[in-house]
Amino acid sequence: MTVEEGRHDLFVLTGGLRLDGRDLATGAYVAMDGGSDLTAGEAGATLFHFRKRHAGPASRTIVNPGNRVWRTGIIPGVRRCDLRVSDHEVALVTFDPATRIRPHRHHRGEEIYVLAGALHGAPMRLGPGEWHRLDPHAIHAPRAMEATMILLLTGHLSSEGFGARSTHPPTPRDPDPL
């Protein structure tokens, strides 16, 4: 398959991927422009794919699981691996059990995909394989009761038309705070 025009962020959730003759395993991340050839590995592939249609050209970035650079997050118990930091950000974030982040907002929105564990207060409970989009200015206070890893996409949504409010109230599925 040839990737359409635009700027693409791909994260290999399961299986493998071949990109222009290079093999990428589960956990690999690719930032690239369209026009490249992608092929699933023998066992197939499941991808998290974000496409920004109207974006200027960018250099290709590949981050394999073995060459991730982790840094301490904004609070103890949080670690972050930046995969892309440019016009928007893509990162892997881990939370130790019983980690809380104070209420905050992202002026250009945020999307969360849970890879392992569970994230609470984002604004509801999200388990493995679940995704949630927070509108620009939505307030959330994520916390983890167990070891958790998420794929985070932020800074890519326009704040036009959104007020300083959360459009996603907590749900009954969300257990009591820690």
Foldseek 3Di string as FASTA:
>chain_A
DFFDFFKKKKAWQAAWKAKQNDIAHHGKIKIAGTGIDMDTPPVGTDIDMDGDHDDDGDDMFMDHPVRFDWDADPDPQKIWTWRDDDLKTKIKMKGAAFDKADKDFAQAWKKKAWCAAWKDFCDHIDHHGDMDIWHGLAITMIHGRHITMIIMIGNHHHNPPPDNYTPDHYDPRHDDRD
